PDB file of all heavy atoms in Angstrom:
ATOM      1  N   GLN A   1     105.200  95.086  71.564  1.00  0.00           N
ATOM      2  CA  GLN A   1     106.426  95.222  70.793  1.00  0.00           C
ATOM      3  C   GLN A   1     107.104  93.857  70.884  1.00  0.00           C
ATOM      4  O   GLN A   1     107.405  93.387  71.975  1.00  0.00           O
ATOM      5  CB  GLN A   1     107.314  96.323  71.366  1.00  0.00           C
ATOM      6  CG  GLN A   1     106.607  97.669  71.484  1.00  0.00           C
ATOM      7  CD  GLN A   1     106.141  98.200  70.154  1.00  0.00           C
ATOM      8  OE1 GLN A   1     106.921  98.387  69.233  1.00  0.00           O
ATOM      9  NE2 GLN A   1     104.832  98.428  70.034  1.00  0.00           N
ATOM     10  N   ILE A   2     107.318  93.225  69.754  1.00  0.00           N
ATOM     11  CA  ILE A   2     107.777  91.836  69.722  1.00  0.00           C
ATOM     12  C   ILE A   2     109.252  91.796  69.347  1.00  0.00           C
ATOM     13  O   ILE A   2     109.637  92.290  68.288  1.00  0.00           O
ATOM     14  CB  ILE A   2     106.950  91.016  68.713  1.00  0.00           C
ATOM     15  CG1 ILE A   2     105.459  91.138  69.038  1.00  0.00           C
ATOM     16  CG2 ILE A   2     107.405  89.566  68.701  1.00  0.00           C
ATOM     17  CD1 ILE A   2     104.540  90.649  67.939  1.00  0.00           C
ATOM     18  N   GLU A   3     110.054  91.219  70.227  1.00  0.00           N
ATOM     19  CA  GLU A   3     111.475  91.047  69.960  1.00  0.00           C
ATOM     20  C   GLU A   3     111.781  89.563  69.978  1.00  0.00           C
ATOM     21  O   GLU A   3     111.311  88.835  70.848  1.00  0.00           O
ATOM     22  CB  GLU A   3     112.314  91.763  71.016  1.00  0.00           C
ATOM     23  CG  GLU A   3     112.145  93.265  70.994  1.00  0.00           C
ATOM     24  CD  GLU A   3     113.021  93.978  72.009  1.00  0.00           C
ATOM     25  OE1 GLU A   3     113.982  93.354  72.526  1.00  0.00           O
ATOM     26  OE2 GLU A   3     112.745  95.151  72.285  1.00  0.00           O
ATOM     27  N   GLY A   4     112.573  89.120  69.002  1.00  0.00           N
ATOM     28  CA  GLY A   4     112.899  87.705  68.926  1.00  0.00           C
ATOM     29  C   GLY A   4     114.352  87.477  68.588  1.00  0.00           C
ATOM     30  O   GLY A   4     114.993  88.294  67.922  1.00  0.00           O
ATOM     31  N   ARG A   5     114.871  86.348  69.088  1.00  0.00           N
ATOM     32  CA  ARG A   5     116.228  85.905  68.769  1.00  0.00           C
ATOM     33  C   ARG A   5     116.120  84.519  68.140  1.00  0.00           C
ATOM     34  O   ARG A   5     115.475  83.628  68.696  1.00  0.00           O
ATOM     35  CB  ARG A   5     117.098  85.859  70.018  1.00  0.00           C
ATOM     36  CG  ARG A   5     117.469  87.246  70.531  1.00  0.00           C
ATOM     37  CD  ARG A   5     118.526  87.196  71.624  1.00  0.00           C
ATOM     38  NE  ARG A   5     118.220  86.261  72.704  1.00  0.00           N
ATOM     39  CZ  ARG A   5     117.498  86.557  73.782  1.00  0.00           C
ATOM     40  NH1 ARG A   5     117.019  87.767  73.922  1.00  0.00           N
ATOM     41  NH2 ARG A   5     117.275  85.656  74.707  1.00  0.00           N
ATOM     42  N   ILE A   6     116.789  84.357  67.019  1.00  0.00           N
ATOM     43  CA  ILE A   6     116.735  83.100  66.266  1.00  0.00           C
ATOM     44  C   ILE A   6     118.059  82.368  66.452  1.00  0.00           C
ATOM     45  O   ILE A   6     119.128  82.939  66.200  1.00  0.00           O
ATOM     46  CB  ILE A   6     116.495  83.372  64.766  1.00  0.00           C
ATOM     47  CG1 ILE A   6     115.276  84.273  64.562  1.00  0.00           C
ATOM     48  CG2 ILE A   6     116.370  82.065  64.000  1.00  0.00           C
ATOM     49  CD1 ILE A   6     115.199  84.915  63.197  1.00  0.00           C
ATOM     50  N   GLN A   7     117.968  81.117  66.886  1.00  0.00           N
ATOM     51  CA  GLN A   7     119.177  80.309  67.085  1.00  0.00           C
ATOM     52  C   GLN A   7     118.997  78.964  66.393  1.00  0.00           C
ATOM     53  O   GLN A   7     117.909  78.375  66.447  1.00  0.00           O
ATOM     54  CB  GLN A   7     119.427  80.066  68.579  1.00  0.00           C
ATOM     55  CG  GLN A   7     119.590  81.336  69.376  1.00  0.00           C
ATOM     56  CD  GLN A   7     119.579  81.080  70.875  1.00  0.00           C
ATOM     57  OE1 GLN A   7     119.140  80.034  71.341  1.00  0.00           O
ATOM     58  NE2 GLN A   7     120.077  82.042  71.631  1.00  0.00           N
ATOM     59  N   ALA A   8     120.079  78.490  65.775  1.00  0.00           N
ATOM     60  CA  ALA A   8     120.042  77.161  65.164  1.00  0.00           C
ATOM     61  C   ALA A   8     119.966  76.117  66.276  1.00  0.00           C
ATOM     62  O   ALA A   8     120.591  76.255  67.325  1.00  0.00           O
ATOM     63  CB  ALA A   8     121.285  76.943  64.316  1.00  0.00           C
ATOM     64  N   GLN A   9     119.149  75.097  66.024  1.00  0.00           N
ATOM     65  CA  GLN A   9     119.035  74.003  66.987  1.00  0.00           C
ATOM     66  C   GLN A   9     118.834  72.719  66.192  1.00  0.00           C
ATOM     67  O   GLN A   9     117.744  72.504  65.642  1.00  0.00           O
ATOM     68  CB  GLN A   9     117.895  74.219  67.969  1.00  0.00           C
ATOM     69  CG  GLN A   9     117.775  73.092  68.958  1.00  0.00           C
ATOM     70  CD  GLN A   9     116.649  73.331  69.956  1.00  0.00           C
ATOM     71  OE1 GLN A   9     116.040  74.379  70.003  1.00  0.00           O
ATOM     72  NE2 GLN A   9     116.379  72.317  70.748  1.00  0.00           N
ATOM     73  N   GLY A  10     119.843  71.892  66.146  1.00  0.00           N
ATOM     74  CA  GLY A  10     119.757  70.675  65.358  1.00  0.00           C
ATOM     75  C   GLY A  10     119.529  71.010  63.900  1.00  0.00           C
ATOM     76  O   GLY A  10     120.233  71.829  63.317  1.00  0.00           O
ATOM     77  N   ARG A  11     118.498  70.391  63.310  1.00  0.00           N
ATOM     78  CA  ARG A  11     118.154  70.673  61.904  1.00  0.00           C
ATOM     79  C   ARG A  11     117.224  71.864  61.765  1.00  0.00           C
ATOM     80  O   ARG A  11     116.904  72.280  60.662  1.00  0.00           O
ATOM     81  CB  ARG A  11     117.494  69.446  61.289  1.00  0.00           C
ATOM     82  CG  ARG A  11     118.418  68.279  61.163  1.00  0.00           C
ATOM     83  CD  ARG A  11     117.717  67.150  60.467  1.00  0.00           C
ATOM     84  NE  ARG A  11     118.528  65.954  60.528  1.00  0.00           N
ATOM     85  CZ  ARG A  11     118.093  64.770  60.246  1.00  0.00           C
ATOM     86  NH1 ARG A  11     116.831  64.586  59.891  1.00  0.00           N
ATOM     87  NH2 ARG A  11     118.895  63.736  60.318  1.00  0.00           N
ATOM     88  N   GLY A  12     116.742  72.377  62.879  1.00  0.00           N
ATOM     89  CA  GLY A  12     115.789  73.478  62.840  1.00  0.00           C
ATOM     90  C   GLY A  12     116.284  74.702  63.570  1.00  0.00           C
ATOM     91  O   GLY A  12     117.472  75.019  63.571  1.00  0.00           O
ATOM     92  N   SER A  13     115.346  75.376  64.222  1.00  0.00           N
ATOM     93  CA  SER A  13     115.662  76.622  64.929  1.00  0.00           C
ATOM     94  C   SER A  13     114.875  76.717  66.220  1.00  0.00           C
ATOM     95  O   SER A  13     113.816  76.101  66.368  1.00  0.00           O
ATOM     96  CB  SER A  13     115.285  77.832  64.072  1.00  0.00           C
ATOM     97  OG  SER A  13     115.972  77.830  62.860  1.00  0.00           O
ATOM     98  N   GLN A  14     115.403  77.524  67.091  1.00  0.00           N
ATOM     99  CA  GLN A  14     114.706  77.892  68.324  1.00  0.00           C
ATOM    100  C   GLN A  14     114.580  79.407  68.309  1.00  0.00           C
ATOM    101  O   GLN A  14     115.561  80.109  68.078  1.00  0.00           O
ATOM    102  CB  GLN A  14     115.490  77.413  69.540  1.00  0.00           C
ATOM    103  CG  GLN A  14     114.750  77.607  70.834  1.00  0.00           C
ATOM    104  CD  GLN A  14     115.505  76.994  71.996  1.00  0.00           C
ATOM    105  OE1 GLN A  14     116.717  77.086  72.067  1.00  0.00           O
ATOM    106  NE2 GLN A  14     114.780  76.376  72.902  1.00  0.00           N
ATOM    107  N   ILE A  15     113.373  79.886  68.524  1.00  0.00           N
ATOM    108  CA  ILE A  15     113.109  81.327  68.469  1.00  0.00           C
ATOM    109  C   ILE A  15     112.620  81.768  69.839  1.00  0.00           C
ATOM    110  O   ILE A  15     111.552  81.347  70.285  1.00  0.00           O
ATOM    111  CB  ILE A  15     112.050  81.652  67.391  1.00  0.00           C
ATOM    112  CG1 ILE A  15     112.451  81.022  66.053  1.00  0.00           C
ATOM    113  CG2 ILE A  15     111.873  83.162  67.249  1.00  0.00           C
ATOM    114  CD1 ILE A  15     111.305  80.739  65.135  1.00  0.00           C
ATOM    115  N   GLU A  16     113.419  82.587  70.501  1.00  0.00           N
ATOM    116  CA  GLU A  16     113.035  83.128  71.805  1.00  0.00           C
ATOM    117  C   GLU A  16     112.354  84.463  71.570  1.00  0.00           C
ATOM    118  O   GLU A  16     112.931  85.361  70.955  1.00  0.00           O
ATOM    119  CB  GLU A  16     114.264  83.302  72.693  1.00  0.00           C
ATOM    120  CG  GLU A  16     114.926  81.995  73.054  1.00  0.00           C
ATOM    121  CD  GLU A  16     116.188  82.186  73.869  1.00  0.00           C
ATOM    122  OE1 GLU A  16     116.451  83.324  74.318  1.00  0.00           O
ATOM    123  OE2 GLU A  16     116.911  81.199  74.047  1.00  0.00           O
ATOM    124  N   ILE A  17     111.140  84.595  72.072  1.00  0.00           N
ATOM    125  CA  ILE A  17     110.324  85.778  71.796  1.00  0.00           C
ATOM    126  C   ILE A  17     109.916  86.447  73.096  1.00  0.00           C
ATOM    127  O   ILE A  17     109.547  85.783  74.062  1.00  0.00           O
ATOM    128  CB  ILE A  17     109.078  85.401  70.976  1.00  0.00           C
ATOM    129  CG1 ILE A  17     109.521  84.839  69.623  1.00  0.00           C
ATOM    130  CG2 ILE A  17     108.148  86.599  70.801  1.00  0.00           C
ATOM    131  CD1 ILE A  17     108.406  84.305  68.772  1.00  0.00           C
ATOM    132  N   GLU A  18     109.992  87.776  73.098  1.00  0.00           N
ATOM    133  CA  GLU A  18     109.506  88.571  74.222  1.00  0.00           C
ATOM    134  C   GLU A  18     108.560  89.631  73.670  1.00  0.00           C
ATOM    135  O   GLU A  18     108.893  90.344  72.722  1.00  0.00           O
ATOM    136  CB  GLU A  18     110.654  89.233  74.974  1.00  0.00           C
ATOM    137  CG  GLU A  18     110.171  90.047  76.153  1.00  0.00           C
ATOM    138  CD  GLU A  18     111.296  90.685  76.948  1.00  0.00           C
ATOM    139  OE1 GLU A  18     112.439  90.724  76.480  1.00  0.00           O
ATOM    140  OE2 GLU A  18     110.998  91.166  78.058  1.00  0.00           O
ATOM    141  N   MET A  19     107.384  89.705  74.261  1.00  0.00           N
ATOM    142  CA  MET A  19     106.400  90.727  73.905  1.00  0.00           C
ATOM    143  C   MET A  19     106.265  91.649  75.102  1.00  0.00           C
ATOM    144  O   MET A  19     106.041  91.184  76.221  1.00  0.00           O
ATOM    145  CB  MET A  19     105.045  90.096  73.579  1.00  0.00           C
ATOM    146  CG  MET A  19     105.053  89.211  72.386  1.00  0.00           C
ATOM    147  SD  MET A  19     103.362  88.701  72.009  1.00  0.00           S
ATOM    148  CE  MET A  19     103.677  87.333  70.933  1.00  0.00           C
ATOM    149  N   LYS A  20     106.396  92.944  74.864  1.00  0.00           N
ATOM    150  CA  LYS A  20     106.296  93.904  75.954  1.00  0.00           C
ATOM    151  C   LYS A  20     105.746  95.226  75.431  1.00  0.00           C
ATOM    152  O   LYS A  20     105.604  95.420  74.227  1.00  0.00           O
ATOM    153  CB  LYS A  20     107.667  94.104  76.603  1.00  0.00           C
ATOM    154  CG  LYS A  20     108.748  94.534  75.640  1.00  0.00           C
ATOM    155  CD  LYS A  20     110.103  94.511  76.292  1.00  0.00           C
ATOM    156  CE  LYS A  20     111.180  94.859  75.277  1.00  0.00           C
ATOM    157  NZ  LYS A  20     112.503  94.781  75.834  1.00  0.00           N
ATOM    158  N   LEU A  21     105.439  96.101  76.366  1.00  0.00           N
ATOM    159  CA  LEU A  21     104.949  97.429  76.002  1.00  0.00           C
ATOM    160  C   LEU A  21     106.098  98.307  75.525  1.00  0.00           C
ATOM    161  O   LEU A  21     107.259  98.094  75.897  1.00  0.00           O
ATOM    162  CB  LEU A  21     104.280  98.090  77.209  1.00  0.00           C
ATOM    163  CG  LEU A  21     103.003  97.447  77.724  1.00  0.00           C
ATOM    164  CD1 LEU A  21     102.546  98.137  79.000  1.00  0.00           C
ATOM    165  CD2 LEU A  21     101.911  97.488  76.677  1.00  0.00           C
ATOM    166  N   HIS A  22     105.768  99.313  74.745  1.00  0.00           N
ATOM    167  CA  HIS A  22     106.756 100.291  74.298  1.00  0.00           C
ATOM    168  C   HIS A  22     107.277 101.043  75.524  1.00  0.00           C
ATOM    169  O   HIS A  22     106.495 101.396  76.421  1.00  0.00           O
ATOM    170  CB  HIS A  22     106.100 101.259  73.308  1.00  0.00           C
ATOM    171  CG  HIS A  22     107.073 102.104  72.579  1.00  0.00           C
ATOM    172  ND1 HIS A  22     107.673 103.201  73.142  1.00  0.00           N
ATOM    173  CD2 HIS A  22     107.581 101.997  71.322  1.00  0.00           C
ATOM    174  CE1 HIS A  22     108.493 103.755  72.268  1.00  0.00           C
ATOM    175  NE2 HIS A  22     108.447 103.035  71.155  1.00  0.00           N
ATOM    176  N   PRO A  23     108.585 101.308  75.607  1.00  0.00           N
ATOM    177  CA  PRO A  23     109.149 102.005  76.780  1.00  0.00           C
ATOM    178  C   PRO A  23     108.488 103.359  77.082  1.00  0.00           C
ATOM    179  O   PRO A  23     108.303 103.709  78.247  1.00  0.00           O
ATOM    180  CB  PRO A  23     110.626 102.194  76.428  1.00  0.00           C
ATOM    181  CG  PRO A  23     110.913 101.115  75.437  1.00  0.00           C
ATOM    182  CD  PRO A  23     109.631 100.890  74.681  1.00  0.00           C
ATOM    183  N   ALA A  24     108.109 104.112  76.054  1.00  0.00           N
ATOM    184  CA  ALA A  24     107.459 105.407  76.284  1.00  0.00           C
ATOM    185  C   ALA A  24     106.102 105.224  76.973  1.00  0.00           C
ATOM    186  O   ALA A  24     105.718 106.039  77.821  1.00  0.00           O
ATOM    187  CB  ALA A  24     107.287 106.161  74.966  1.00  0.00           C
ATOM    188  N   VAL A  25     105.394 104.165  76.635  1.00  0.00           N
ATOM    189  CA  VAL A  25     104.095 103.884  77.260  1.00  0.00           C
ATOM    190  C   VAL A  25     104.303 103.524  78.731  1.00  0.00           C
ATOM    191  O   VAL A  25     103.553 103.975  79.603  1.00  0.00           O
ATOM    192  CB  VAL A  25     103.352 102.748  76.507  1.00  0.00           C
ATOM    193  CG1 VAL A  25     102.112 102.316  77.249  1.00  0.00           C
ATOM    194  CG2 VAL A  25     103.021 103.187  75.091  1.00  0.00           C
ATOM    195  N   ILE A  26     105.334 102.748  79.012  1.00  0.00           N
ATOM    196  CA  ILE A  26     105.630 102.380  80.400  1.00  0.00           C
ATOM    197  C   ILE A  26     105.951 103.614  81.227  1.00  0.00           C
ATOM    198  O   ILE A  26     105.441 103.784  82.345  1.00  0.00           O
ATOM    199  CB  ILE A  26     106.778 101.351  80.459  1.00  0.00           C
ATOM    200  CG1 ILE A  26     106.314 100.022  79.862  1.00  0.00           C
ATOM    201  CG2 ILE A  26     107.271 101.160  81.896  1.00  0.00           C
ATOM    202  CD1 ILE A  26     107.406  98.985  79.708  1.00  0.00           C
ATOM    203  N   ILE A  27     106.760 104.508  80.683  1.00  0.00           N
ATOM    204  CA  ILE A  27     107.118 105.744  81.410  1.00  0.00           C
ATOM    205  C   ILE A  27     105.870 106.588  81.658  1.00  0.00           C
ATOM    206  O   ILE A  27     105.635 107.065  82.774  1.00  0.00           O
ATOM    207  CB  ILE A  27     108.184 106.539  80.627  1.00  0.00           C
ATOM    208  CG1 ILE A  27     109.517 105.773  80.658  1.00  0.00           C
ATOM    209  CG2 ILE A  27     108.351 107.943  81.209  1.00  0.00           C
ATOM    210  CD1 ILE A  27     110.563 106.314  79.709  1.00  0.00           C
ATOM    211  N   PHE A  28     105.050 106.783  80.619  1.00  0.00           N
ATOM    212  CA  PHE A  28     103.830 107.572  80.776  1.00  0.00           C
ATOM    213  C   PHE A  28     102.915 106.971  81.834  1.00  0.00           C
ATOM    214  O   PHE A  28     102.390 107.673  82.699  1.00  0.00           O
ATOM    215  CB  PHE A  28     103.080 107.704  79.447  1.00  0.00           C
ATOM    216  CG  PHE A  28     101.750 108.364  79.586  1.00  0.00           C
ATOM    217  CD1 PHE A  28     101.660 109.745  79.673  1.00  0.00           C
ATOM    218  CD2 PHE A  28     100.583 107.621  79.676  1.00  0.00           C
ATOM    219  CE1 PHE A  28     100.428 110.370  79.830  1.00  0.00           C
ATOM    220  CE2 PHE A  28      99.350 108.227  79.830  1.00  0.00           C
ATOM    221  CZ  PHE A  28      99.276 109.603  79.910  1.00  0.00           C
ATOM    222  N   MET A  29     102.717 105.653  81.764  1.00  0.00           N
ATOM    223  CA  MET A  29     101.826 104.989  82.714  1.00  0.00           C
ATOM    224  C   MET A  29     102.362 105.072  84.146  1.00  0.00           C
ATOM    225  O   MET A  29     101.580 105.219  85.090  1.00  0.00           O
ATOM    226  CB  MET A  29     101.585 103.533  82.306  1.00  0.00           C
ATOM    227  CG  MET A  29     100.742 103.367  81.058  1.00  0.00           C
ATOM    228  SD  MET A  29      99.110 104.144  81.156  1.00  0.00           S
ATOM    229  CE  MET A  29      98.333 103.172  82.438  1.00  0.00           C
ATOM    230  N   CYS A  30     103.668 104.982  84.315  1.00  0.00           N
ATOM    231  CA  CYS A  30     104.246 105.120  85.664  1.00  0.00           C
ATOM    232  C   CYS A  30     103.966 106.503  86.240  1.00  0.00           C
ATOM    233  O   CYS A  30     103.571 106.634  87.405  1.00  0.00           O
ATOM    234  CB  CYS A  30     105.754 104.848  85.628  1.00  0.00           C
ATOM    235  SG  CYS A  30     106.181 103.109  85.487  1.00  0.00           S
ATOM    236  N   VAL A  31     104.157 107.528  85.432  1.00  0.00           N
ATOM    237  CA  VAL A  31     103.889 108.897  85.894  1.00  0.00           C
ATOM    238  C   VAL A  31     102.403 109.064  86.190  1.00  0.00           C
ATOM    239  O   VAL A  31     102.016 109.567  87.251  1.00  0.00           O
ATOM    240  CB  VAL A  31     104.372 109.934  84.844  1.00  0.00           C
ATOM    241  CG1 VAL A  31     103.896 111.336  85.190  1.00  0.00           C
ATOM    242  CG2 VAL A  31     105.888 109.885  84.718  1.00  0.00           C
ATOM    243  N   TRP A  32     101.561 108.650  85.253  1.00  0.00           N
ATOM    244  CA  TRP A  32     100.119 108.818  85.411  1.00  0.00           C
ATOM    245  C   TRP A  32      99.607 108.040  86.617  1.00  0.00           C
ATOM    246  O   TRP A  32      98.847 108.576  87.435  1.00  0.00           O
ATOM    247  CB  TRP A  32      99.419 108.372  84.123  1.00  0.00           C
ATOM    248  CG  TRP A  32      97.969 108.727  84.069  1.00  0.00           C
ATOM    249  CD1 TRP A  32      97.441 109.974  83.853  1.00  0.00           C
ATOM    250  CD2 TRP A  32      96.863 107.840  84.253  1.00  0.00           C
ATOM    251  NE1 TRP A  32      96.069 109.899  83.871  1.00  0.00           N
ATOM    252  CE2 TRP A  32      95.693 108.607  84.122  1.00  0.00           C
ATOM    253  CE3 TRP A  32      96.750 106.485  84.497  1.00  0.00           C
ATOM    254  CZ2 TRP A  32      94.428 108.055  84.228  1.00  0.00           C
ATOM    255  CZ3 TRP A  32      95.479 105.928  84.606  1.00  0.00           C
ATOM    256  CH2 TRP A  32      94.340 106.721  84.471  1.00  0.00           C
ATOM    257  N   LEU A  33     100.009 106.783  86.751  1.00  0.00           N
ATOM    258  CA  LEU A  33      99.561 105.980  87.887  1.00  0.00           C
ATOM    259  C   LEU A  33     100.120 106.506  89.206  1.00  0.00           C
ATOM    260  O   LEU A  33      99.469 106.397  90.245  1.00  0.00           O
ATOM    261  CB  LEU A  33      99.950 104.506  87.692  1.00  0.00           C
ATOM    262  CG  LEU A  33      99.162 103.757  86.628  1.00  0.00           C
ATOM    263  CD1 LEU A  33      99.764 102.383  86.382  1.00  0.00           C
ATOM    264  CD2 LEU A  33      97.695 103.643  87.000  1.00  0.00           C
ATOM    265  N   GLY A  34     101.313 107.089  89.165  1.00  0.00           N
ATOM    266  CA  GLY A  34     101.876 107.689  90.375  1.00  0.00           C
ATOM    267  C   GLY A  34     101.035 108.860  90.866  1.00  0.00           C
ATOM    268  O   GLY A  34     100.738 108.978  92.062  1.00  0.00           O
ATOM    269  N   ILE A  35     100.635 109.705  89.944  1.00  0.00           N
ATOM    270  CA  ILE A  35      99.808 110.866  90.306  1.00  0.00           C
ATOM    271  C   ILE A  35      98.433 110.417  90.796  1.00  0.00           C
ATOM    272  O   ILE A  35      97.948 110.862  91.842  1.00  0.00           O
ATOM    273  CB  ILE A  35      99.682 111.832  89.102  1.00  0.00           C
ATOM    274  CG1 ILE A  35     101.048 112.467  88.804  1.00  0.00           C
ATOM    275  CG2 ILE A  35      98.625 112.891  89.361  1.00  0.00           C
ATOM    276  CD1 ILE A  35     101.111 113.207  87.488  1.00  0.00           C
ATOM    277  N   VAL A  36      97.808 109.509  90.046  1.00  0.00           N
ATOM    278  CA  VAL A  36      96.482 109.016  90.428  1.00  0.00           C
ATOM    279  C   VAL A  36      96.572 108.214  91.736  1.00  0.00           C
ATOM    280  O   VAL A  36      95.670 108.277  92.578  1.00  0.00           O
ATOM    281  CB  VAL A  36      95.871 108.172  89.286  1.00  0.00           C
ATOM    282  CG1 VAL A  36      94.619 107.468  89.722  1.00  0.00           C
ATOM    283  CG2 VAL A  36      95.579 109.065  88.091  1.00  0.00           C
ATOM    284  N   GLY A  37      97.663 107.482  91.907  1.00  0.00           N
ATOM    285  CA  GLY A  37      97.861 106.720  93.142  1.00  0.00           C
ATOM    286  C   GLY A  37      97.929 107.608  94.364  1.00  0.00           C
ATOM    287  O   GLY A  37      97.412 107.254  95.436  1.00  0.00           O
ATOM    288  N   GLN A  38      98.551 108.768  94.217  1.00  0.00           N
ATOM    289  CA  GLN A  38      98.590 109.726  95.331  1.00  0.00           C
ATOM    290  C   GLN A  38      97.179 110.187  95.676  1.00  0.00           C
ATOM    291  O   GLN A  38      96.830 110.333  96.845  1.00  0.00           O
ATOM    292  CB  GLN A  38      99.474 110.911  94.989  1.00  0.00           C
ATOM    293  CG  GLN A  38     100.942 110.582  95.022  1.00  0.00           C
ATOM    294  CD  GLN A  38     101.794 111.780  94.653  1.00  0.00           C
ATOM    295  OE1 GLN A  38     101.347 112.725  94.000  1.00  0.00           O
ATOM    296  NE2 GLN A  38     103.048 111.743  95.085  1.00  0.00           N
ATOM    297  N   GLY A  39      96.368 110.424  94.660  1.00  0.00           N
ATOM    298  CA  GLY A  39      94.979 110.811  94.904  1.00  0.00           C
ATOM    299  C   GLY A  39      94.208 109.698  95.601  1.00  0.00           C
ATOM    300  O   GLY A  39      93.398 109.953  96.498  1.00  0.00           O
ATOM    301  N   ALA A  40      94.485 108.451  95.229  1.00  0.00           N
ATOM    302  CA  ALA A  40      93.813 107.319  95.872  1.00  0.00           C
ATOM    303  C   ALA A  40      94.239 107.199  97.332  1.00  0.00           C
ATOM    304  O   ALA A  40      93.421 106.881  98.202  1.00  0.00           O
ATOM    305  CB  ALA A  40      94.114 106.031  95.111  1.00  0.00           C
ATOM    306  N   LEU A  41      95.506 107.479  97.607  1.00  0.00           N
ATOM    307  CA  LEU A  41      95.980 107.449  98.995  1.00  0.00           C
ATOM    308  C   LEU A  41      95.323 108.551  99.823  1.00  0.00           C
ATOM    309  O   LEU A  41      95.002 108.362 100.993  1.00  0.00           O
ATOM    310  CB  LEU A  41      97.502 107.576  99.057  1.00  0.00           C
ATOM    311  CG  LEU A  41      98.281 106.329  98.633  1.00  0.00           C
ATOM    312  CD1 LEU A  41      99.773 106.622  98.587  1.00  0.00           C
ATOM    313  CD2 LEU A  41      97.984 105.169  99.566  1.00  0.00           C
ATOM    314  N   MET A  42      95.116 109.705  99.190  1.00  0.00           N
ATOM    315  CA  MET A  42      94.412 110.790  99.889  1.00  0.00           C
ATOM    316  C   MET A  42      92.986 110.361 100.209  1.00  0.00           C
ATOM    317  O   MET A  42      92.449 110.695 101.261  1.00  0.00           O
ATOM    318  CB  MET A  42      94.424 112.074  99.055  1.00  0.00           C
ATOM    319  CG  MET A  42      95.794 112.724  99.025  1.00  0.00           C
ATOM    320  SD  MET A  42      95.971 114.228  98.019  1.00  0.00           S
ATOM    321  CE  MET A  42      94.363 114.823  97.739  1.00  0.00           C
TER     322      MET A  42
END
């Protein structure tokens, strides 16, 4: 998921970009890895 901020800089621009996972995917993976991690600890 690509988020960017555009700022004027001199005659041009500066674009700050962040690429990250969708928040729902992060939540799902945290739950899934938490459950599987408990099994690995066992």
